[in-house]
Amino acid sequence: MRRHPLSQRFGFHHWLVAAATFTTPAVASAQPTAAERAASSQSDYRRAHEAARNHEWLEARRILLDLWRKAKTYDVAASLSEAEYSLGHIAASARYMDYALRHVTPNESAATVANMKSALEKLRPRVGAVKIVVDEPGAGIRVDGTSLEHEPEAEVFVEPGQHVFEARSGGRASSKTIQIAAGSSQLLRLELTETTPSPEAAAVVSMAPMPEAHRSDSHARTIALFVGGALAVGGLGTGIGFGVSSNSSEHDVADYRARVGTGGCQSGSVSADCSALQAAVDSQRQKTHVANLGYGVAAAGLVTVGVALLWPRSSHARTARASQLELRWSGDAMFLGGSF
């Protein structure tokens, strides 16, 4: 079934002419390299127009995205908006049209600008709008795990539903999950804080050398039992908690895969289901990793308790010995070792 036209389709016929005017250099003979680039862009635009006329919207989008990577101009953005709309990617269509309106050149006709505004207004009731305010300018923005080219004063248009917004700059980050309805608008403030150590960091438990004196021996054993027990309980709780959460995320992954279908998500897809699938996969992987780390720390705690219980109680054990337990991660593998 063909989709109803959006406004007057702000079609490829107009943008093809606009691209030729906008990209052609003033003195072509003096800048042959620029002229060649302009000719190449015009040729690509014609191919995109031909693909759109044949309703080959995936091919048209592919060509336009290549042009977009080379030069982010308002005419390419408006054409991408039409392609995304025809593919059913409403939020992406709104984002491109919003960009086109904010960057349209003064020499564009009033009628064309009016059509662009009308197109965006027809898209707004079908998407959610989020105004993101970050306390650290220049922070990278991600929505559902996908990087977003965000301008501070611009709204971010997303499909209705739940979305995870993240901001990161160096070792500082912030993340919030919001629920947004079609046609609604929200203000989202993200305040960056220091991130927690990476799960890949080494976890090392060291016990002081066992002295010869009976009193010191008992004191060290008590400390070792206390530390080992705390590690075992805390690590086990972390492992179980994140393990359960990982199983829940695994169910979410399965649900999203079922929604996406056998065709899967093509590269560059911005559909809500594809974005949610990627976010669910990343979440499940991270939770599994943290759960494994928790179990590893629990194992380290149990070994520490065992060493303390088996340590010689006699003050006649004259040989001072140092005991160290070391737990390290390499990728998804755990290594446990030490000397006793």
C-alpha atoms as a PDB file:
ATOM      1  CA  MET A   1       0.000   0.000   0.000  1.00  0.00           C
ATOM      2  CA  ARG A   2       1.337   3.428  -0.927  1.00  0.00           C
ATOM      3  CA  ARG A   3       1.592   6.008   1.821  1.00  0.00           C
ATOM      4  CA  HIS A   4      -0.328   9.243   1.639  1.00  0.00           C
ATOM      5  CA  PRO A   5       1.873  12.165   0.588  1.00  0.00           C
ATOM      6  CA  LEU A   6       3.315  14.342   3.329  1.00  0.00           C
ATOM      7  CA  SER A   7       2.373  17.976   2.674  1.00  0.00           C
ATOM      8  CA  GLN A   8       3.278  18.383  -1.002  1.00  0.00           C
ATOM      9  CA  ARG A   9       5.972  15.690  -0.693  1.00  0.00           C
ATOM     10  CA  PHE A  10       8.647  18.494  -0.669  1.00  0.00           C
ATOM     11  CA  GLY A  11       9.846  16.396  -3.577  1.00  0.00           C
ATOM     12  CA  PHE A  12      13.128  15.475  -5.173  1.00  0.00           C
ATOM     13  CA  HIS A  13      12.387  17.598  -8.255  1.00  0.00           C
ATOM     14  CA  HIS A  14      12.894  20.815  -6.288  1.00  0.00           C
ATOM     15  CA  TRP A  15      15.859  19.616  -4.216  1.00  0.00           C
ATOM     16  CA  LEU A  16      17.699  18.418  -7.296  1.00  0.00           C
ATOM     17  CA  VAL A  17      17.652  21.962  -8.667  1.00  0.00           C
ATOM     18  CA  ALA A  18      18.512  23.412  -5.240  1.00  0.00           C
ATOM     19  CA  ALA A  19      21.540  21.131  -4.904  1.00  0.00           C
ATOM     20  CA  ALA A  20      22.854  22.168  -8.296  1.00  0.00           C
ATOM     21  CA  THR A  21      22.521  25.843  -7.392  1.00  0.00           C
ATOM     22  CA  PHE A  22      23.876  25.485  -3.878  1.00  0.00           C
ATOM     23  CA  THR A  23      26.948  23.381  -4.654  1.00  0.00           C
ATOM     24  CA  THR A  24      28.142  24.979  -7.894  1.00  0.00           C
ATOM     25  CA  PRO A  25      31.130  27.299  -7.247  1.00  0.00           C
ATOM     26  CA  ALA A  26      30.959  30.930  -8.313  1.00  0.00           C
ATOM     27  CA  VAL A  27      34.048  30.659 -10.524  1.00  0.00           C
ATOM     28  CA  ALA A  28      34.189  27.084 -11.739  1.00  0.00           C
ATOM     29  CA  SER A  29      37.117  27.616 -14.065  1.00  0.00           C
ATOM     30  CA  ALA A  30      39.290  28.786 -11.174  1.00  0.00           C
ATOM     31  CA  GLN A  31      38.369  25.791  -8.983  1.00  0.00           C
ATOM     32  CA  PRO A  32      38.277  22.657 -11.124  1.00  0.00           C
ATOM     33  CA  THR A  33      38.400  20.354  -8.082  1.00  0.00           C
ATOM     34  CA  ALA A  34      35.371  22.036  -6.511  1.00  0.00           C
ATOM     35  CA  ALA A  35      33.590  21.934  -9.865  1.00  0.00           C
ATOM     36  CA  GLU A  36      34.230  18.208 -10.148  1.00  0.00           C
ATOM     37  CA  ARG A  37      32.837  17.665  -6.657  1.00  0.00           C
ATOM     38  CA  ALA A  38      29.770  19.717  -7.533  1.00  0.00           C
ATOM     39  CA  ALA A  39      29.222  17.707 -10.720  1.00  0.00           C
ATOM     40  CA  SER A  40      29.573  14.456  -8.777  1.00  0.00           C
ATOM     41  CA  SER A  41      27.045  15.630  -6.187  1.00  0.00           C
ATOM     42  CA  GLN A  42      24.597  16.645  -8.896  1.00  0.00           C
ATOM     43  CA  SER A  43      24.995  13.225 -10.498  1.00  0.00           C
ATOM     44  CA  ASP A  44      24.327  11.506  -7.168  1.00  0.00           C
ATOM     45  CA  TYR A  45      21.264  13.677  -6.656  1.00  0.00           C
ATOM     46  CA  ARG A  46      19.924  12.650 -10.049  1.00  0.00           C
ATOM     47  CA  ARG A  47      20.408   8.986  -9.150  1.00  0.00           C
ATOM     48  CA  ALA A  48      18.617   9.518  -5.846  1.00  0.00           C
ATOM     49  CA  HIS A  49      15.774  11.286  -7.681  1.00  0.00           C
ATOM     50  CA  GLU A  50      15.492   8.418 -10.160  1.00  0.00           C
ATOM     51  CA  ALA A  51      15.418   5.851  -7.338  1.00  0.00           C
ATOM     52  CA  ALA A  52      12.705   7.826  -5.534  1.00  0.00           C
ATOM     53  CA  ARG A  53      10.617   8.147  -8.693  1.00  0.00           C
ATOM     54  CA  ASN A  54      10.741   4.337  -8.949  1.00  0.00           C
ATOM     55  CA  HIS A  55       9.830   4.057  -5.237  1.00  0.00           C
ATOM     56  CA  GLU A  56      13.229   2.495  -4.507  1.00  0.00           C
ATOM     57  CA  TRP A  57      13.475   4.341  -1.229  1.00  0.00           C
ATOM     58  CA  LEU A  58      16.236   2.256   0.334  1.00  0.00           C
ATOM     59  CA  GLU A  59      18.507   3.021  -2.622  1.00  0.00           C
ATOM     60  CA  ALA A  60      17.526   6.692  -2.567  1.00  0.00           C
ATOM     61  CA  ARG A  61      18.285   6.837   1.165  1.00  0.00           C
ATOM     62  CA  ARG A  62      21.648   5.135   0.677  1.00  0.00           C
ATOM     63  CA  ILE A  63      22.723   7.692  -1.935  1.00  0.00           C
ATOM     64  CA  LEU A  64      21.475  10.609   0.127  1.00  0.00           C
ATOM     65  CA  LEU A  65      23.249   9.397   3.273  1.00  0.00           C
ATOM     66  CA  ASP A  66      26.488   9.307   1.304  1.00  0.00           C
ATOM     67  CA  LEU A  67      25.872  12.920   0.244  1.00  0.00           C
ATOM     68  CA  TRP A  68      25.029  13.781   3.859  1.00  0.00           C
ATOM     69  CA  ARG A  69      28.348  12.407   5.091  1.00  0.00           C
ATOM     70  CA  LYS A  70      30.157  14.592   2.557  1.00  0.00           C
ATOM     71  CA  ALA A  71      28.225  17.807   3.272  1.00  0.00           C
ATOM     72  CA  LYS A  72      25.411  18.353   5.777  1.00  0.00           C
ATOM     73  CA  THR A  73      23.262  20.830   3.825  1.00  0.00           C
ATOM     74  CA  TYR A  74      19.622  21.711   4.278  1.00  0.00           C
ATOM     75  CA  ASP A  75      18.616  20.415   0.837  1.00  0.00           C
ATOM     76  CA  VAL A  76      20.111  16.964   1.480  1.00  0.00           C
ATOM     77  CA  ALA A  77      18.439  16.943   4.908  1.00  0.00           C
ATOM     78  CA  ALA A  78      15.029  17.732   3.394  1.00  0.00           C
ATOM     79  CA  SER A  79      15.421  14.987   0.788  1.00  0.00           C
ATOM     80  CA  LEU A  80      16.498  12.522   3.482  1.00  0.00           C
ATOM     81  CA  SER A  81      13.395  13.501   5.443  1.00  0.00           C
ATOM     82  CA  GLU A  82      11.226  12.449   2.512  1.00  0.00           C
ATOM     83  CA  ALA A  83      13.110   9.176   2.065  1.00  0.00           C
ATOM     84  CA  GLU A  84      12.882   8.294   5.754  1.00  0.00           C
ATOM     85  CA  TYR A  85       9.178   9.142   5.799  1.00  0.00           C
ATOM     86  CA  SER A  86       8.543   6.881   2.821  1.00  0.00           C
ATOM     87  CA  LEU A  87      10.367   4.060   4.640  1.00  0.00           C
ATOM     88  CA  GLY A  88       8.200   4.549   7.734  1.00  0.00           C
ATOM     89  CA  HIS A  89      10.967   6.095   9.863  1.00  0.00           C
ATOM     90  CA  ILE A  90       8.888   8.983  11.168  1.00  0.00           C
ATOM     91  CA  ALA A  91      11.217  10.197  13.942  1.00  0.00           C
ATOM     92  CA  ALA A  92      14.226  10.237  11.592  1.00  0.00           C
ATOM     93  CA  SER A  93      12.147  12.119   9.020  1.00  0.00           C
ATOM     94  CA  ALA A  94      11.269  14.750  11.634  1.00  0.00           C
ATOM     95  CA  ARG A  95      14.913  15.110  12.713  1.00  0.00           C
ATOM     96  CA  TYR A  96      16.120  15.715   9.150  1.00  0.00           C
ATOM     97  CA  MET A  97      13.329  18.193   8.367  1.00  0.00           C
ATOM     98  CA  ASP A  98      14.020  20.058  11.604  1.00  0.00           C
ATOM     99  CA  TYR A  99      17.690  20.300  10.610  1.00  0.00           C
ATOM    100  CA  ALA A 100      16.715  21.532   7.128  1.00  0.00           C
ATOM    101  CA  LEU A 101      14.578  24.322   8.589  1.00  0.00           C
ATOM    102  CA  ARG A 102      17.264  25.424  11.037  1.00  0.00           C
ATOM    103  CA  HIS A 103      19.918  25.576   8.298  1.00  0.00           C
ATOM    104  CA  VAL A 104      17.936  26.724   5.265  1.00  0.00           C
ATOM    105  CA  THR A 105      19.720  29.459   3.313  1.00  0.00           C
ATOM    106  CA  PRO A 106      18.257  32.985   3.040  1.00  0.00           C
ATOM    107  CA  ASN A 107      17.957  32.716  -0.763  1.00  0.00           C
ATOM    108  CA  GLU A 108      15.449  29.851  -0.535  1.00  0.00           C
ATOM    109  CA  SER A 109      11.914  30.775  -1.610  1.00  0.00           C
ATOM    110  CA  ALA A 110       9.307  31.606   1.024  1.00  0.00           C
ATOM    111  CA  ALA A 111       6.934  29.038  -0.483  1.00  0.00           C
ATOM    112  CA  THR A 112       9.478  26.230  -0.120  1.00  0.00           C
ATOM    113  CA  VAL A 113      10.232  27.172   3.505  1.00  0.00           C
ATOM    114  CA  ALA A 114       6.495  27.256   4.210  1.00  0.00           C
ATOM    115  CA  ASN A 115       6.098  23.756   2.750  1.00  0.00           C
ATOM    116  CA  MET A 116       8.983  22.498   4.903  1.00  0.00           C
ATOM    117  CA  LYS A 117       7.406  23.987   8.033  1.00  0.00           C
ATOM    118  CA  SER A 118       4.067  22.431   7.113  1.00  0.00           C
ATOM    119  CA  ALA A 119       5.739  19.036   6.647  1.00  0.00           C
ATOM    120  CA  LEU A 120       7.365  19.187  10.093  1.00  0.00           C
ATOM    121  CA  GLU A 121       4.110  20.224  11.730  1.00  0.00           C
ATOM    122  CA  LYS A 122       2.395  17.198  10.168  1.00  0.00           C
ATOM    123  CA  LEU A 123       5.123  14.949  11.604  1.00  0.00           C
ATOM    124  CA  ARG A 124       5.059  16.323  15.162  1.00  0.00           C
ATOM    125  CA  PRO A 125       1.812  14.624  16.293  1.00  0.00           C
ATOM    126  CA  ARG A 126       3.320  11.243  15.408  1.00  0.00           C
ATOM    127  CA  VAL A 127       6.585  11.564  17.368  1.00  0.00           C
ATOM    128  CA  GLY A 128       7.857  12.703  20.744  1.00  0.00           C
ATOM    129  CA  ALA A 129      10.095  15.765  21.116  1.00  0.00           C
ATOM    130  CA  VAL A 130      12.829  15.955  23.762  1.00  0.00           C
ATOM    131  CA  LYS A 131      14.835  19.094  24.563  1.00  0.00           C
ATOM    132  CA  ILE A 132      18.141  17.902  26.081  1.00  0.00           C
ATOM    133  CA  VAL A 133      20.059  20.191  28.429  1.00  0.00           C
ATOM    134  CA  VAL A 134      23.515  18.923  29.491  1.00  0.00           C
ATOM    135  CA  ASP A 135      25.547  20.654  32.204  1.00  0.00           C
ATOM    136  CA  GLU A 136      28.745  20.118  30.199  1.00  0.00           C
ATOM    137  CA  PRO A 137      28.824  21.634  26.676  1.00  0.00           C
ATOM    138  CA  GLY A 138      30.250  19.380  23.978  1.00  0.00           C
ATOM    139  CA  ALA A 139      29.248  16.124  25.679  1.00  0.00           C
ATOM    140  CA  GLY A 140      28.442  13.246  23.328  1.00  0.00           C
ATOM    141  CA  ILE A 141      24.756  12.259  23.212  1.00  0.00           C
ATOM    142  CA  ARG A 142      23.410   8.731  22.658  1.00  0.00           C
ATOM    143  CA  VAL A 143      19.787   7.664  22.321  1.00  0.00           C
ATOM    144  CA  ASP A 144      19.068   3.968  22.881  1.00  0.00           C
ATOM    145  CA  GLY A 145      22.769   3.232  22.407  1.00  0.00           C
ATOM    146  CA  THR A 146      23.080   5.101  19.085  1.00  0.00           C
ATOM    147  CA  SER A 147      25.228   8.241  18.808  1.00  0.00           C
ATOM    148  CA  LEU A 148      23.299  11.376  17.933  1.00  0.00           C
ATOM    149  CA  GLU A 149      24.557  14.519  16.204  1.00  0.00           C
ATOM    150  CA  HIS A 150      22.903  16.923  18.600  1.00  0.00           C
ATOM    151  CA  GLU A 151      22.829  20.712  18.453  1.00  0.00           C
ATOM    152  CA  PRO A 152      22.241  22.311  21.884  1.00  0.00           C
ATOM    153  CA  GLU A 153      19.134  24.294  20.924  1.00  0.00           C
ATOM    154  CA  ALA A 154      17.551  21.549  18.808  1.00  0.00           C
ATOM    155  CA  GLU A 155      14.820  19.140  19.836  1.00  0.00           C
ATOM    156  CA  VAL A 156      15.416  15.416  19.506  1.00  0.00           C
ATOM    157  CA  PHE A 157      12.529  13.606  17.836  1.00  0.00           C
ATOM    158  CA  VAL A 158      11.962   9.971  18.824  1.00  0.00           C
ATOM    159  CA  GLU A 159       9.323   7.339  18.235  1.00  0.00           C
ATOM    160  CA  PRO A 160       6.660   7.150  21.002  1.00  0.00           C
ATOM    161  CA  GLY A 161       7.670   4.817  23.823  1.00  0.00           C
ATOM    162  CA  GLN A 162      10.538   4.313  26.256  1.00  0.00           C
ATOM    163  CA  HIS A 163      14.008   5.601  25.416  1.00  0.00           C
ATOM    164  CA  VAL A 164      17.397   5.752  27.141  1.00  0.00           C
ATOM    165  CA  PHE A 165      19.253   9.070  26.825  1.00  0.00           C
ATOM    166  CA  GLU A 166      22.959   9.221  27.673  1.00  0.00           C
ATOM    167  CA  ALA A 167      25.522  12.011  27.794  1.00  0.00           C
ATOM    168  CA  ARG A 168      29.249  11.375  28.159  1.00  0.00           C
ATOM    169  CA  SER A 169      32.382  13.503  28.281  1.00  0.00           C
ATOM    170  CA  GLY A 170      35.706  11.929  29.229  1.00  0.00           C
ATOM    171  CA  GLY A 171      35.223   9.961  32.432  1.00  0.00           C
ATOM    172  CA  ARG A 172      31.923  11.669  33.285  1.00  0.00           C
ATOM    173  CA  ALA A 173      28.509  10.427  32.200  1.00  0.00           C
ATOM    174  CA  SER A 174      24.779  10.601  32.854  1.00  0.00           C
ATOM    175  CA  SER A 175      21.894   8.389  31.771  1.00  0.00           C
ATOM    176  CA  LYS A 176      18.110   8.672  32.095  1.00  0.00           C
ATOM    177  CA  THR A 177      15.229   6.571  30.816  1.00  0.00           C
ATOM    178  CA  ILE A 178      12.027   8.377  29.883  1.00  0.00           C
ATOM    179  CA  GLN A 179       8.620   7.439  28.506  1.00  0.00           C
ATOM    180  CA  ILE A 180       7.251   9.777  25.863  1.00  0.00           C
ATOM    181  CA  ALA A 181       3.918   9.844  24.054  1.00  0.00           C
ATOM    182  CA  ALA A 182       3.188  10.838  20.475  1.00  0.00           C
ATOM    183  CA  GLY A 183       2.757  14.586  20.091  1.00  0.00           C
ATOM    184  CA  SER A 184       4.265  15.367  23.504  1.00  0.00           C
ATOM    185  CA  SER A 185       7.355  17.379  24.386  1.00  0.00           C
ATOM    186  CA  GLN A 186       9.706  16.993  27.355  1.00  0.00           C
ATOM    187  CA  LEU A 187      12.666  18.837  28.852  1.00  0.00           C
ATOM    188  CA  LEU A 188      15.452  16.446  29.904  1.00  0.00           C
ATOM    189  CA  ARG A 189      18.353  17.618  32.064  1.00  0.00           C
ATOM    190  CA  LEU A 190      21.475  15.459  32.218  1.00  0.00           C
ATOM    191  CA  GLU A 191      24.084  16.208  34.895  1.00  0.00           C
ATOM    192  CA  LEU A 192      27.351  14.379  34.343  1.00  0.00           C
ATOM    193  CA  THR A 193      29.035  12.568  37.232  1.00  0.00           C
ATOM    194  CA  GLU A 194      32.155  10.447  37.545  1.00  0.00           C
ATOM    195  CA  THR A 195      31.609   6.946  36.180  1.00  0.00           C
ATOM    196  CA  THR A 196      32.222   3.790  38.248  1.00  0.00           C
ATOM    197  CA  PRO A 197      35.324   1.676  37.555  1.00  0.00           C
ATOM    198  CA  SER A 198      35.076  -0.615  34.548  1.00  0.00           C
ATOM    199  CA  PRO A 199      34.155  -4.277  35.224  1.00  0.00           C
ATOM    200  CA  GLU A 200      37.390  -5.199  33.449  1.00  0.00           C
ATOM    201  CA  ALA A 201      39.432  -3.685  36.291  1.00  0.00           C
ATOM    202  CA  ALA A 202      41.408  -6.166  38.317  1.00  0.00           C
ATOM    203  CA  ALA A 203      40.056  -7.145  41.717  1.00  0.00           C
ATOM    204  CA  VAL A 204      42.890  -7.960  44.099  1.00  0.00           C
ATOM    205  CA  VAL A 205      42.469  -9.151  47.685  1.00  0.00           C
ATOM    206  CA  SER A 206      45.644  -9.098  49.767  1.00  0.00           C
ATOM    207  CA  MET A 207      46.184 -10.471  53.263  1.00  0.00           C
ATOM    208  CA  ALA A 208      48.975  -9.230  55.474  1.00  0.00           C
ATOM    209  CA  PRO A 209      51.851 -11.620  56.351  1.00  0.00           C
ATOM    210  CA  MET A 210      50.945 -14.008  59.170  1.00  0.00           C
ATOM    211  CA  PRO A 211      53.071 -13.169  62.239  1.00  0.00           C
ATOM    212  CA  GLU A 212      54.512 -15.717  64.622  1.00  0.00           C
ATOM    213  CA  ALA A 213      52.890 -14.407  67.782  1.00  0.00           C
ATOM    214  CA  HIS A 214      49.665 -16.178  68.686  1.00  0.00           C
ATOM    215  CA  ARG A 215      47.770 -12.963  69.449  1.00  0.00           C
ATOM    216  CA  SER A 216      48.697 -11.304  66.154  1.00  0.00           C
ATOM    217  CA  ASP A 217      47.955 -14.585  64.376  1.00  0.00           C
ATOM    218  CA  SER A 218      44.386 -14.625  65.743  1.00  0.00           C
ATOM    219  CA  HIS A 219      43.862 -10.964  64.934  1.00  0.00           C
ATOM    220  CA  ALA A 220      44.977 -11.421  61.308  1.00  0.00           C
ATOM    221  CA  ARG A 221      42.789 -14.529  60.961  1.00  0.00           C
ATOM    222  CA  THR A 222      39.760 -12.584  62.224  1.00  0.00           C
ATOM    223  CA  ILE A 223      40.348  -9.794  59.730  1.00  0.00           C
ATOM    224  CA  ALA A 224      40.790 -12.302  56.901  1.00  0.00           C
ATOM    225  CA  LEU A 225      37.546 -14.089  57.854  1.00  0.00           C
ATOM    226  CA  PHE A 226      35.665 -10.808  58.015  1.00  0.00           C
ATOM    227  CA  VAL A 227      37.009  -9.519  54.667  1.00  0.00           C
ATOM    228  CA  GLY A 228      36.579 -12.881  52.945  1.00  0.00           C
ATOM    229  CA  GLY A 229      33.018 -13.264  54.231  1.00  0.00           C
ATOM    230  CA  ALA A 230      32.095  -9.746  53.115  1.00  0.00           C
ATOM    231  CA  LEU A 231      33.518 -10.402  49.653  1.00  0.00           C
ATOM    232  CA  ALA A 232      31.692 -13.713  49.368  1.00  0.00           C
ATOM    233  CA  VAL A 233      28.315 -12.271  50.409  1.00  0.00           C
ATOM    234  CA  GLY A 234      28.648  -9.071  48.390  1.00  0.00           C
ATOM    235  CA  GLY A 235      29.962 -10.826  45.296  1.00  0.00           C
ATOM    236  CA  LEU A 236      27.283 -13.502  45.424  1.00  0.00           C
ATOM    237  CA  GLY A 237      24.546 -10.890  45.827  1.00  0.00           C
ATOM    238  CA  THR A 238      25.890  -8.928  42.864  1.00  0.00           C
ATOM    239  CA  GLY A 239      26.162 -12.062  40.737  1.00  0.00           C
ATOM    240  CA  ILE A 240      22.631 -13.212  41.495  1.00  0.00           C
ATOM    241  CA  GLY A 241      21.105  -9.739  41.096  1.00  0.00           C
ATOM    242  CA  PHE A 242      22.727  -8.997  37.753  1.00  0.00           C
ATOM    243  CA  GLY A 243      22.215 -12.585  36.631  1.00  0.00           C
ATOM    244  CA  VAL A 244      18.453 -12.270  37.110  1.00  0.00           C
ATOM    245  CA  SER A 245      18.480  -8.887  35.383  1.00  0.00           C
ATOM    246  CA  SER A 246      20.512 -10.380  32.509  1.00  0.00           C
ATOM    247  CA  ASN A 247      17.912 -13.122  32.051  1.00  0.00           C
ATOM    248  CA  SER A 248      15.203 -10.457  31.880  1.00  0.00           C
ATOM    249  CA  SER A 249      17.181  -8.529  29.252  1.00  0.00           C
ATOM    250  CA  GLU A 250      17.639 -11.759  27.304  1.00  0.00           C
ATOM    251  CA  HIS A 251      13.853 -12.078  27.102  1.00  0.00           C
ATOM    252  CA  ASP A 252      13.670  -8.463  25.867  1.00  0.00           C
ATOM    253  CA  VAL A 253      16.243  -9.268  23.160  1.00  0.00           C
ATOM    254  CA  ALA A 254      14.180 -12.238  22.039  1.00  0.00           C
ATOM    255  CA  ASP A 255      11.025 -10.114  21.905  1.00  0.00           C
ATOM    256  CA  TYR A 256      12.691  -7.389  19.829  1.00  0.00           C
ATOM    257  CA  ARG A 257      14.222  -9.959  17.484  1.00  0.00           C
ATOM    258  CA  ALA A 258      10.744 -11.360  16.931  1.00  0.00           C
ATOM    259  CA  ARG A 259       9.448  -7.873  16.132  1.00  0.00           C
ATOM    260  CA  VAL A 260      12.263  -7.131  13.703  1.00  0.00           C
ATOM    261  CA  GLY A 261      11.638 -10.435  11.914  1.00  0.00           C
ATOM    262  CA  THR A 262      13.875 -12.573   9.765  1.00  0.00           C
ATOM    263  CA  GLY A 263      15.078  -9.608   7.723  1.00  0.00           C
ATOM    264  CA  GLY A 264      16.888  -8.147  10.715  1.00  0.00           C
ATOM    265  CA  CYS A 265      18.041  -4.524  10.998  1.00  0.00           C
ATOM    266  CA  GLN A 266      19.926  -3.126   8.075  1.00  0.00           C
ATOM    267  CA  SER A 267      23.025  -1.018   8.663  1.00  0.00           C
ATOM    268  CA  GLY A 268      22.079   2.536   9.605  1.00  0.00           C
ATOM    269  CA  SER A 269      18.479   1.637  10.495  1.00  0.00           C
ATOM    270  CA  VAL A 270      16.868   4.113  12.877  1.00  0.00           C
ATOM    271  CA  SER A 271      13.577   2.305  13.523  1.00  0.00           C
ATOM    272  CA  ALA A 272      12.441   2.144  17.129  1.00  0.00           C
ATOM    273  CA  ASP A 273      12.570  -1.668  17.218  1.00  0.00           C
ATOM    274  CA  CYS A 274      16.097  -1.812  15.796  1.00  0.00           C
ATOM    275  CA  SER A 275      17.355   0.837  18.251  1.00  0.00           C
ATOM    276  CA  ALA A 276      15.644  -0.924  21.143  1.00  0.00           C
ATOM    277  CA  LEU A 277      17.092  -4.279  20.042  1.00  0.00           C
ATOM    278  CA  GLN A 278      20.644  -2.882  20.026  1.00  0.00           C
ATOM    279  CA  ALA A 279      20.125  -1.268  23.447  1.00  0.00           C
ATOM    280  CA  ALA A 280      18.735  -4.535  24.862  1.00  0.00           C
ATOM    281  CA  VAL A 281      21.660  -6.549  23.468  1.00  0.00           C
ATOM    282  CA  ASP A 282      24.200  -4.103  24.956  1.00  0.00           C
ATOM    283  CA  SER A 283      22.381  -4.111  28.309  1.00  0.00           C
ATOM    284  CA  GLN A 284      22.201  -7.913  28.453  1.00  0.00           C
ATOM    285  CA  ARG A 285      25.908  -8.255  27.622  1.00  0.00           C
ATOM    286  CA  GLN A 286      26.955  -5.744  30.281  1.00  0.00           C
ATOM    287  CA  LYS A 287      24.740  -7.278  32.973  1.00  0.00           C
ATOM    288  CA  THR A 288      26.124 -10.746  32.236  1.00  0.00           C
ATOM    289  CA  HIS A 289      29.658  -9.396  32.482  1.00  0.00           C
ATOM    290  CA  VAL A 290      28.982  -7.736  35.858  1.00  0.00           C
ATOM    291  CA  ALA A 291      27.250 -10.897  37.132  1.00  0.00           C
ATOM    292  CA  ASN A 292      30.313 -12.983  36.240  1.00  0.00           C
ATOM    293  CA  LEU A 293      32.536 -10.477  38.003  1.00  0.00           C
ATOM    294  CA  GLY A 294      30.328 -10.737  41.106  1.00  0.00           C
ATOM    295  CA  TYR A 295      30.617 -14.529  41.125  1.00  0.00           C
ATOM    296  CA  GLY A 296      34.375 -14.208  40.719  1.00  0.00           C
ATOM    297  CA  VAL A 297      34.650 -11.859  43.693  1.00  0.00           C
ATOM    298  CA  ALA A 298      32.489 -14.256  45.736  1.00  0.00           C
ATOM    299  CA  ALA A 299      34.878 -17.097  44.839  1.00  0.00           C
ATOM    300  CA  ALA A 300      37.810 -14.948  45.938  1.00  0.00           C
ATOM    301  CA  GLY A 301      36.077 -14.297  49.255  1.00  0.00           C
ATOM    302  CA  LEU A 302      35.466 -18.000  49.845  1.00  0.00           C
ATOM    303  CA  VAL A 303      39.106 -18.818  49.108  1.00  0.00           C
ATOM    304  CA  THR A 304      40.166 -16.087  51.539  1.00  0.00           C
ATOM    305  CA  VAL A 305      37.946 -17.584  54.255  1.00  0.00           C
ATOM    306  CA  GLY A 306      39.333 -21.043  53.539  1.00  0.00           C
ATOM    307  CA  VAL A 307      42.933 -19.830  53.791  1.00  0.00           C
ATOM    308  CA  ALA A 308      42.168 -18.114  57.115  1.00  0.00           C
ATOM    309  CA  LEU A 309      40.535 -21.211  58.572  1.00  0.00           C
ATOM    310  CA  LEU A 310      43.388 -23.517  57.525  1.00  0.00           C
ATOM    311  CA  TRP A 311      46.180 -21.183  58.615  1.00  0.00           C
ATOM    312  CA  PRO A 312      48.336 -22.718  61.403  1.00  0.00           C
ATOM    313  CA  ARG A 313      47.060 -21.650  64.817  1.00  0.00           C
ATOM    314  CA  SER A 314      50.245 -22.595  66.662  1.00  0.00           C
ATOM    315  CA  SER A 315      52.571 -19.774  67.593  1.00  0.00           C
ATOM    316  CA  HIS A 316      55.438 -22.229  66.935  1.00  0.00           C
ATOM    317  CA  ALA A 317      55.020 -21.792  63.179  1.00  0.00           C
ATOM    318  CA  ARG A 318      58.156 -19.745  62.852  1.00  0.00           C
ATOM    319  CA  THR A 319      58.210 -19.139  59.152  1.00  0.00           C
ATOM    320  CA  ALA A 320      56.533 -15.880  58.305  1.00  0.00           C
ATOM    321  CA  ARG A 321      54.451 -16.222  55.194  1.00  0.00           C
ATOM    322  CA  ALA A 322      52.652 -13.707  53.017  1.00  0.00           C
ATOM    323  CA  SER A 323      49.362 -14.628  51.429  1.00  0.00           C
ATOM    324  CA  GLN A 324      47.875 -12.920  48.371  1.00  0.00           C
ATOM    325  CA  LEU A 325      44.818 -13.741  46.321  1.00  0.00           C
ATOM    326  CA  GLU A 326      44.482 -12.176  42.897  1.00  0.00           C
ATOM    327  CA  LEU A 327      41.427 -12.118  40.631  1.00  0.00           C
ATOM    328  CA  ARG A 328      41.817 -10.700  37.126  1.00  0.00           C
ATOM    329  CA  TRP A 329      39.660 -10.403  34.035  1.00  0.00           C
ATOM    330  CA  SER A 330      40.676 -10.585  30.405  1.00  0.00           C
ATOM    331  CA  GLY A 331      37.695 -10.025  28.128  1.00  0.00           C
ATOM    332  CA  ASP A 332      35.044 -12.468  29.350  1.00  0.00           C
ATOM    333  CA  ALA A 333      37.541 -14.860  31.022  1.00  0.00           C
ATOM    334  CA  MET A 334      38.411 -14.835  34.720  1.00  0.00           C
ATOM    335  CA  PHE A 335      41.761 -15.806  36.184  1.00  0.00           C
ATOM    336  CA  LEU A 336      42.168 -16.663  39.887  1.00  0.00           C
ATOM    337  CA  GLY A 337      45.589 -17.150  41.419  1.00  0.00           C
ATOM    338  CA  GLY A 338      47.908 -16.182  44.231  1.00  0.00           C
ATOM    339  CA  SER A 339      50.355 -17.439  46.799  1.00  0.00           C
ATOM    340  CA  PHE A 340      49.606 -18.832  50.278  1.00  0.00           C
END
